[in-house]
Amino acid sequence: MGTVTLGVSIAVPEPYGSQLQELRAGFGDAAAHGIPTHVTLVPPTEVEADRLPAIRAHLTEVAAAFPAFPMRLSGTGTFRPVSPVVFVQIVEGVEGCTRLQGEVRDPAGPLSRELAFPYHPHVTVAHGISEEAMDVAFATLAEYAAEWVCEGFALYEQGSDGVWRKLREYPFGSGPIGVPAQPGSPVDQTAEAAGATVRPS
């Protein structure tokens, strides 16, 4: 049956998603219109196509038991010089994203995989463009802010044209809203203290 390239992510909802996508395109990132604005849970992963039913069942199970949680974006960050990425920072929801991606990548599950870099949830707004353009992106969105309640995630497939298309959404179950913000969480401390050692997922 061949292979497919999949990704799992939290979509940034409207109107924020389209706003950031258009800004990303405006900064000169040619890939912008093929990548819906998102927070990565599982990075691009090539799998055998016949594993899709098991993957879908696993994602359904994870989502059913996971509670909704608040998400808040504020300001910009970068992985430069290690990786040519500028992103909008997640200042609330890091704990929820980190726990969710751990369950989605459960070592016993069909999407088990090692990450090349420590998991650091973020919303990419520029990737692989000139240093000058990345500086513009970093400055333009320095005061950016958005917030919403994350109520699920989605499975995407990358086509041969490089465009990511949603295969299915996975809404969370009926758990209580409210994973509290953790400004001093280990993930945040790592991001602040390690600097260039923190890399995109």
C-alpha atoms as a PDB file:
ATOM      1  CA  MET A   1       0.000   0.000   0.000  1.00  0.00           C
ATOM      2  CA  GLY A   2       2.953   2.337   0.310  1.00  0.00           C
ATOM      3  CA  THR A   3       3.535   5.039   2.894  1.00  0.00           C
ATOM      4  CA  VAL A   4       1.943   8.318   3.897  1.00  0.00           C
ATOM      5  CA  THR A   5       3.380  11.314   5.736  1.00  0.00           C
ATOM      6  CA  LEU A   6       1.255  12.262   8.715  1.00  0.00           C
ATOM      7  CA  GLY A   7       1.297  14.960  11.359  1.00  0.00           C
ATOM      8  CA  VAL A   8      -0.839  15.589  14.424  1.00  0.00           C
ATOM      9  CA  SER A   9      -1.439  19.122  15.611  1.00  0.00           C
ATOM     10  CA  ILE A  10      -3.670  21.591  17.394  1.00  0.00           C
ATOM     11  CA  ALA A  11      -5.137  24.020  14.879  1.00  0.00           C
ATOM     12  CA  VAL A  12      -4.980  27.697  15.798  1.00  0.00           C
ATOM     13  CA  PRO A  13      -8.644  28.720  15.414  1.00  0.00           C
ATOM     14  CA  GLU A  14     -10.090  31.566  13.385  1.00  0.00           C
ATOM     15  CA  PRO A  15      -9.607  34.408  13.055  1.00  0.00           C
ATOM     16  CA  TYR A  16      -6.102  33.897  14.436  1.00  0.00           C
ATOM     17  CA  GLY A  17      -5.142  30.997  12.177  1.00  0.00           C
ATOM     18  CA  SER A  18      -5.726  32.845   8.906  1.00  0.00           C
ATOM     19  CA  GLN A  19      -4.199  36.059  10.268  1.00  0.00           C
ATOM     20  CA  LEU A  20      -0.956  34.327  11.180  1.00  0.00           C
ATOM     21  CA  GLN A  21      -0.909  32.319   7.947  1.00  0.00           C
ATOM     22  CA  GLU A  22      -1.225  35.493   5.864  1.00  0.00           C
ATOM     23  CA  LEU A  23       1.448  37.230   7.926  1.00  0.00           C
ATOM     24  CA  ARG A  24       3.737  34.218   7.465  1.00  0.00           C
ATOM     25  CA  ALA A  25       3.232  34.422   3.704  1.00  0.00           C
ATOM     26  CA  GLY A  26       3.867  38.159   3.836  1.00  0.00           C
ATOM     27  CA  PHE A  27       7.220  37.599   5.496  1.00  0.00           C
ATOM     28  CA  GLY A  28       8.233  35.605   2.408  1.00  0.00           C
ATOM     29  CA  ASP A  29       7.720  32.059   3.680  1.00  0.00           C
ATOM     30  CA  ALA A  30       6.720  30.219   0.502  1.00  0.00           C
ATOM     31  CA  ALA A  31       5.387  27.235   2.462  1.00  0.00           C
ATOM     32  CA  ALA A  32       2.883  29.321   4.427  1.00  0.00           C
ATOM     33  CA  HIS A  33      -0.230  28.576   2.383  1.00  0.00           C
ATOM     34  CA  GLY A  34       0.416  24.842   2.496  1.00  0.00           C
ATOM     35  CA  ILE A  35       0.705  24.703   6.283  1.00  0.00           C
ATOM     36  CA  PRO A  36      -2.365  25.549   8.396  1.00  0.00           C
ATOM     37  CA  THR A  37      -1.378  27.548  11.482  1.00  0.00           C
ATOM     38  CA  HIS A  38      -0.858  25.039  14.263  1.00  0.00           C
ATOM     39  CA  VAL A  39       0.876  23.746  17.363  1.00  0.00           C
ATOM     40  CA  THR A  40       2.686  20.492  16.555  1.00  0.00           C
ATOM     41  CA  LEU A  41       1.945  17.368  18.593  1.00  0.00           C
ATOM     42  CA  VAL A  42       3.596  14.845  16.258  1.00  0.00           C
ATOM     43  CA  PRO A  43       5.984  16.210  13.615  1.00  0.00           C
ATOM     44  CA  PRO A  44       5.951  14.892  10.030  1.00  0.00           C
ATOM     45  CA  THR A  45       6.116  11.113  10.302  1.00  0.00           C
ATOM     46  CA  GLU A  46       6.178   8.586   7.467  1.00  0.00           C
ATOM     47  CA  VAL A  47       4.114   5.482   8.190  1.00  0.00           C
ATOM     48  CA  GLU A  48       2.767   2.503   6.298  1.00  0.00           C
ATOM     49  CA  ALA A  49      -0.650   3.390   4.913  1.00  0.00           C
ATOM     50  CA  ASP A  50      -2.184   0.248   6.373  1.00  0.00           C
ATOM     51  CA  ARG A  51      -1.455   1.578   9.878  1.00  0.00           C
ATOM     52  CA  LEU A  52      -3.995   4.388   9.442  1.00  0.00           C
ATOM     53  CA  PRO A  53      -6.941   2.539  11.056  1.00  0.00           C
ATOM     54  CA  ALA A  54      -4.876   1.805  14.174  1.00  0.00           C
ATOM     55  CA  ILE A  55      -3.642   5.405  14.285  1.00  0.00           C
ATOM     56  CA  ARG A  56      -7.166   6.766  13.993  1.00  0.00           C
ATOM     57  CA  ALA A  57      -8.391   4.454  16.752  1.00  0.00           C
ATOM     58  CA  HIS A  58      -5.518   5.509  19.008  1.00  0.00           C
ATOM     59  CA  LEU A  59      -6.168   9.221  18.442  1.00  0.00           C
ATOM     60  CA  THR A  60      -9.880   8.752  19.124  1.00  0.00           C
ATOM     61  CA  GLU A  61      -9.058   7.044  22.419  1.00  0.00           C
ATOM     62  CA  VAL A  62      -6.597   9.758  23.493  1.00  0.00           C
ATOM     63  CA  ALA A  63      -9.010  12.573  22.631  1.00  0.00           C
ATOM     64  CA  ALA A  64     -11.981  10.984  24.383  1.00  0.00           C
ATOM     65  CA  ALA A  65     -10.166  10.944  27.716  1.00  0.00           C
ATOM     66  CA  PHE A  66      -8.455  14.356  27.461  1.00  0.00           C
ATOM     67  CA  PRO A  67      -9.905  17.548  28.986  1.00  0.00           C
ATOM     68  CA  ALA A  68     -10.144  20.866  27.191  1.00  0.00           C
ATOM     69  CA  PHE A  69      -7.592  23.433  28.329  1.00  0.00           C
ATOM     70  CA  PRO A  70      -6.941  27.165  27.871  1.00  0.00           C
ATOM     71  CA  MET A  71      -4.395  28.355  25.316  1.00  0.00           C
ATOM     72  CA  ARG A  72      -2.837  31.805  25.204  1.00  0.00           C
ATOM     73  CA  LEU A  73      -0.278  33.197  22.778  1.00  0.00           C
ATOM     74  CA  SER A  74       1.851  36.247  23.487  1.00  0.00           C
ATOM     75  CA  GLY A  75       4.895  37.700  21.768  1.00  0.00           C
ATOM     76  CA  THR A  76       7.598  36.045  19.720  1.00  0.00           C
ATOM     77  CA  GLY A  77      10.533  33.707  20.182  1.00  0.00           C
ATOM     78  CA  THR A  78      13.120  32.086  17.943  1.00  0.00           C
ATOM     79  CA  PHE A  79      15.189  28.930  17.671  1.00  0.00           C
ATOM     80  CA  ARG A  80      17.986  30.785  15.883  1.00  0.00           C
ATOM     81  CA  PRO A  81      20.885  30.187  15.453  1.00  0.00           C
ATOM     82  CA  VAL A  82      20.236  26.455  15.887  1.00  0.00           C
ATOM     83  CA  SER A  83      17.221  26.394  13.574  1.00  0.00           C
ATOM     84  CA  PRO A  84      15.888  29.152  11.251  1.00  0.00           C
ATOM     85  CA  VAL A  85      12.510  29.522  12.951  1.00  0.00           C
ATOM     86  CA  VAL A  86      10.586  32.454  14.431  1.00  0.00           C
ATOM     87  CA  PHE A  87       7.473  31.594  16.400  1.00  0.00           C
ATOM     88  CA  VAL A  88       4.682  33.043  18.517  1.00  0.00           C
ATOM     89  CA  GLN A  89       5.121  31.919  22.094  1.00  0.00           C
ATOM     90  CA  ILE A  90       2.601  29.865  24.055  1.00  0.00           C
ATOM     91  CA  VAL A  91       2.338  31.428  27.505  1.00  0.00           C
ATOM     92  CA  GLU A  92      -0.606  29.368  28.718  1.00  0.00           C
ATOM     93  CA  GLY A  93      -1.286  25.806  27.606  1.00  0.00           C
ATOM     94  CA  VAL A  94       2.296  24.495  27.592  1.00  0.00           C
ATOM     95  CA  GLU A  95       1.463  21.846  30.178  1.00  0.00           C
ATOM     96  CA  GLY A  96      -1.617  20.699  28.281  1.00  0.00           C
ATOM     97  CA  CYS A  97       0.246  20.504  24.947  1.00  0.00           C
ATOM     98  CA  THR A  98       3.159  18.657  26.511  1.00  0.00           C
ATOM     99  CA  ARG A  99       0.976  16.085  28.226  1.00  0.00           C
ATOM    100  CA  LEU A 100      -1.179  15.624  25.115  1.00  0.00           C
ATOM    101  CA  GLN A 101       1.745  15.034  22.765  1.00  0.00           C
ATOM    102  CA  GLY A 102       3.138  12.513  25.230  1.00  0.00           C
ATOM    103  CA  GLU A 103      -0.104  10.545  25.127  1.00  0.00           C
ATOM    104  CA  VAL A 104      -0.361  10.774  21.337  1.00  0.00           C
ATOM    105  CA  ARG A 105       3.226   9.476  21.023  1.00  0.00           C
ATOM    106  CA  ASP A 106       2.672   6.785  23.663  1.00  0.00           C
ATOM    107  CA  PRO A 107       5.588   4.329  23.341  1.00  0.00           C
ATOM    108  CA  ALA A 108       3.076   1.481  23.210  1.00  0.00           C
ATOM    109  CA  GLY A 109       0.960   3.153  20.527  1.00  0.00           C
ATOM    110  CA  PRO A 110       1.050   3.324  16.718  1.00  0.00           C
ATOM    111  CA  LEU A 111       2.577   6.833  16.656  1.00  0.00           C
ATOM    112  CA  SER A 112       5.477   6.047  18.960  1.00  0.00           C
ATOM    113  CA  ARG A 113       8.605   7.855  17.823  1.00  0.00           C
ATOM    114  CA  GLU A 114      11.609   9.657  19.200  1.00  0.00           C
ATOM    115  CA  LEU A 115      11.896  13.403  18.707  1.00  0.00           C
ATOM    116  CA  ALA A 116      15.041  14.938  17.277  1.00  0.00           C
ATOM    117  CA  PHE A 117      14.839  17.792  19.795  1.00  0.00           C
ATOM    118  CA  PRO A 118      13.141  18.389  23.173  1.00  0.00           C
ATOM    119  CA  TYR A 119       9.421  19.104  22.800  1.00  0.00           C
ATOM    120  CA  HIS A 120       8.739  22.844  22.921  1.00  0.00           C
ATOM    121  CA  PRO A 121       5.197  23.797  21.835  1.00  0.00           C
ATOM    122  CA  HIS A 122       5.039  26.914  19.678  1.00  0.00           C
ATOM    123  CA  VAL A 123       3.323  28.459  16.629  1.00  0.00           C
ATOM    124  CA  THR A 124       5.742  28.892  13.728  1.00  0.00           C
ATOM    125  CA  VAL A 125       5.382  32.159  11.793  1.00  0.00           C
ATOM    126  CA  ALA A 126       8.601  32.069   9.741  1.00  0.00           C
ATOM    127  CA  HIS A 127      10.858  29.205   8.707  1.00  0.00           C
ATOM    128  CA  GLY A 128      13.866  29.043   6.437  1.00  0.00           C
ATOM    129  CA  ILE A 129      13.651  32.600   5.102  1.00  0.00           C
ATOM    130  CA  SER A 130      16.351  35.278   5.149  1.00  0.00           C
ATOM    131  CA  GLU A 131      17.705  36.540   8.459  1.00  0.00           C
ATOM    132  CA  GLU A 132      16.365  40.004   7.635  1.00  0.00           C
ATOM    133  CA  ALA A 133      12.871  38.643   6.967  1.00  0.00           C
ATOM    134  CA  MET A 134      12.958  36.627  10.189  1.00  0.00           C
ATOM    135  CA  ASP A 135      13.947  39.785  12.065  1.00  0.00           C
ATOM    136  CA  VAL A 136      10.881  41.482  10.562  1.00  0.00           C
ATOM    137  CA  ALA A 137       8.643  38.594  11.624  1.00  0.00           C
ATOM    138  CA  PHE A 138      10.092  38.652  15.143  1.00  0.00           C
ATOM    139  CA  ALA A 139       9.498  42.404  15.497  1.00  0.00           C
ATOM    140  CA  THR A 140       6.106  42.529  13.753  1.00  0.00           C
ATOM    141  CA  LEU A 141       4.522  39.994  16.093  1.00  0.00           C
ATOM    142  CA  ALA A 142       6.327  41.046  19.273  1.00  0.00           C
ATOM    143  CA  GLU A 143       3.058  42.362  20.728  1.00  0.00           C
ATOM    144  CA  TYR A 144       0.824  39.645  19.266  1.00  0.00           C
ATOM    145  CA  ALA A 145      -1.730  38.087  21.594  1.00  0.00           C
ATOM    146  CA  ALA A 146      -4.519  35.521  21.202  1.00  0.00           C
ATOM    147  CA  GLU A 147      -6.388  33.123  23.444  1.00  0.00           C
ATOM    148  CA  TRP A 148      -8.921  30.338  23.134  1.00  0.00           C
ATOM    149  CA  VAL A 149      -9.942  27.055  24.717  1.00  0.00           C
ATOM    150  CA  CYS A 150      -8.288  24.070  23.058  1.00  0.00           C
ATOM    151  CA  GLU A 151     -11.020  21.468  22.553  1.00  0.00           C
ATOM    152  CA  GLY A 152      -9.298  18.930  20.340  1.00  0.00           C
ATOM    153  CA  PHE A 153      -6.661  18.252  17.714  1.00  0.00           C
ATOM    154  CA  ALA A 154      -6.467  16.908  14.172  1.00  0.00           C
ATOM    155  CA  LEU A 155      -4.646  14.411  11.971  1.00  0.00           C
ATOM    156  CA  TYR A 156      -3.093  15.774   8.788  1.00  0.00           C
ATOM    157  CA  GLU A 157      -1.522  14.215   5.700  1.00  0.00           C
ATOM    158  CA  GLN A 158       1.087  15.893   3.542  1.00  0.00           C
ATOM    159  CA  GLY A 159       0.345  15.556  -0.155  1.00  0.00           C
ATOM    160  CA  SER A 160       2.883  15.096  -2.943  1.00  0.00           C
ATOM    161  CA  ASP A 161       2.490  18.834  -3.553  1.00  0.00           C
ATOM    162  CA  GLY A 162       3.786  19.568  -0.057  1.00  0.00           C
ATOM    163  CA  VAL A 163       0.395  20.805   1.173  1.00  0.00           C
ATOM    164  CA  TRP A 164      -0.907  19.560   4.530  1.00  0.00           C
ATOM    165  CA  ARG A 165      -4.576  18.503   4.475  1.00  0.00           C
ATOM    166  CA  LYS A 166      -6.759  17.633   7.421  1.00  0.00           C
ATOM    167  CA  LEU A 167      -7.881  14.011   7.495  1.00  0.00           C
ATOM    168  CA  ARG A 168      -9.967  14.110  10.655  1.00  0.00           C
ATOM    169  CA  GLU A 169     -10.612  16.153  13.781  1.00  0.00           C
ATOM    170  CA  TYR A 170     -10.519  14.593  17.251  1.00  0.00           C
ATOM    171  CA  PRO A 171     -12.593  16.545  19.794  1.00  0.00           C
ATOM    172  CA  PHE A 172     -11.794  16.106  23.443  1.00  0.00           C
ATOM    173  CA  GLY A 173     -14.117  14.304  25.830  1.00  0.00           C
ATOM    174  CA  SER A 174     -16.219  15.961  28.498  1.00  0.00           C
ATOM    175  CA  GLY A 175     -13.481  16.490  31.094  1.00  0.00           C
ATOM    176  CA  PRO A 176     -13.327  19.763  33.025  1.00  0.00           C
ATOM    177  CA  ILE A 177     -11.865  22.858  31.404  1.00  0.00           C
ATOM    178  CA  GLY A 178      -8.830  24.294  33.102  1.00  0.00           C
ATOM    179  CA  VAL A 179      -5.298  23.008  33.063  1.00  0.00           C
ATOM    180  CA  PRO A 180      -3.750  25.831  35.083  1.00  0.00           C
ATOM    181  CA  ALA A 181      -1.012  27.969  33.581  1.00  0.00           C
ATOM    182  CA  GLN A 182       2.439  26.897  34.666  1.00  0.00           C
ATOM    183  CA  PRO A 183       4.769  29.860  34.068  1.00  0.00           C
ATOM    184  CA  GLY A 184       7.489  28.156  36.076  1.00  0.00           C
ATOM    185  CA  SER A 185       7.071  24.730  34.542  1.00  0.00           C
ATOM    186  CA  PRO A 186      10.149  22.670  33.661  1.00  0.00           C
ATOM    187  CA  VAL A 187       9.397  23.173  29.965  1.00  0.00           C
ATOM    188  CA  ASP A 188       9.420  26.960  30.330  1.00  0.00           C
ATOM    189  CA  GLN A 189      12.508  26.915  32.518  1.00  0.00           C
ATOM    190  CA  THR A 190      14.285  24.750  29.964  1.00  0.00           C
ATOM    191  CA  ALA A 191      13.327  27.120  27.173  1.00  0.00           C
ATOM    192  CA  GLU A 192      14.591  30.134  29.077  1.00  0.00           C
ATOM    193  CA  ALA A 193      17.739  28.620  30.513  1.00  0.00           C
ATOM    194  CA  ALA A 194      18.906  26.446  27.643  1.00  0.00           C
ATOM    195  CA  GLY A 195      18.568  29.044  24.926  1.00  0.00           C
ATOM    196  CA  ALA A 196      20.100  27.611  21.790  1.00  0.00           C
ATOM    197  CA  THR A 197      19.716  24.053  23.062  1.00  0.00           C
ATOM    198  CA  VAL A 198      15.940  24.307  22.765  1.00  0.00           C
ATOM    199  CA  ARG A 199      14.998  23.262  19.267  1.00  0.00           C
ATOM    200  CA  PRO A 200      11.768  22.884  17.319  1.00  0.00           C
ATOM    201  CA  SER A 201       9.841  19.660  17.438  1.00  0.00           C
END
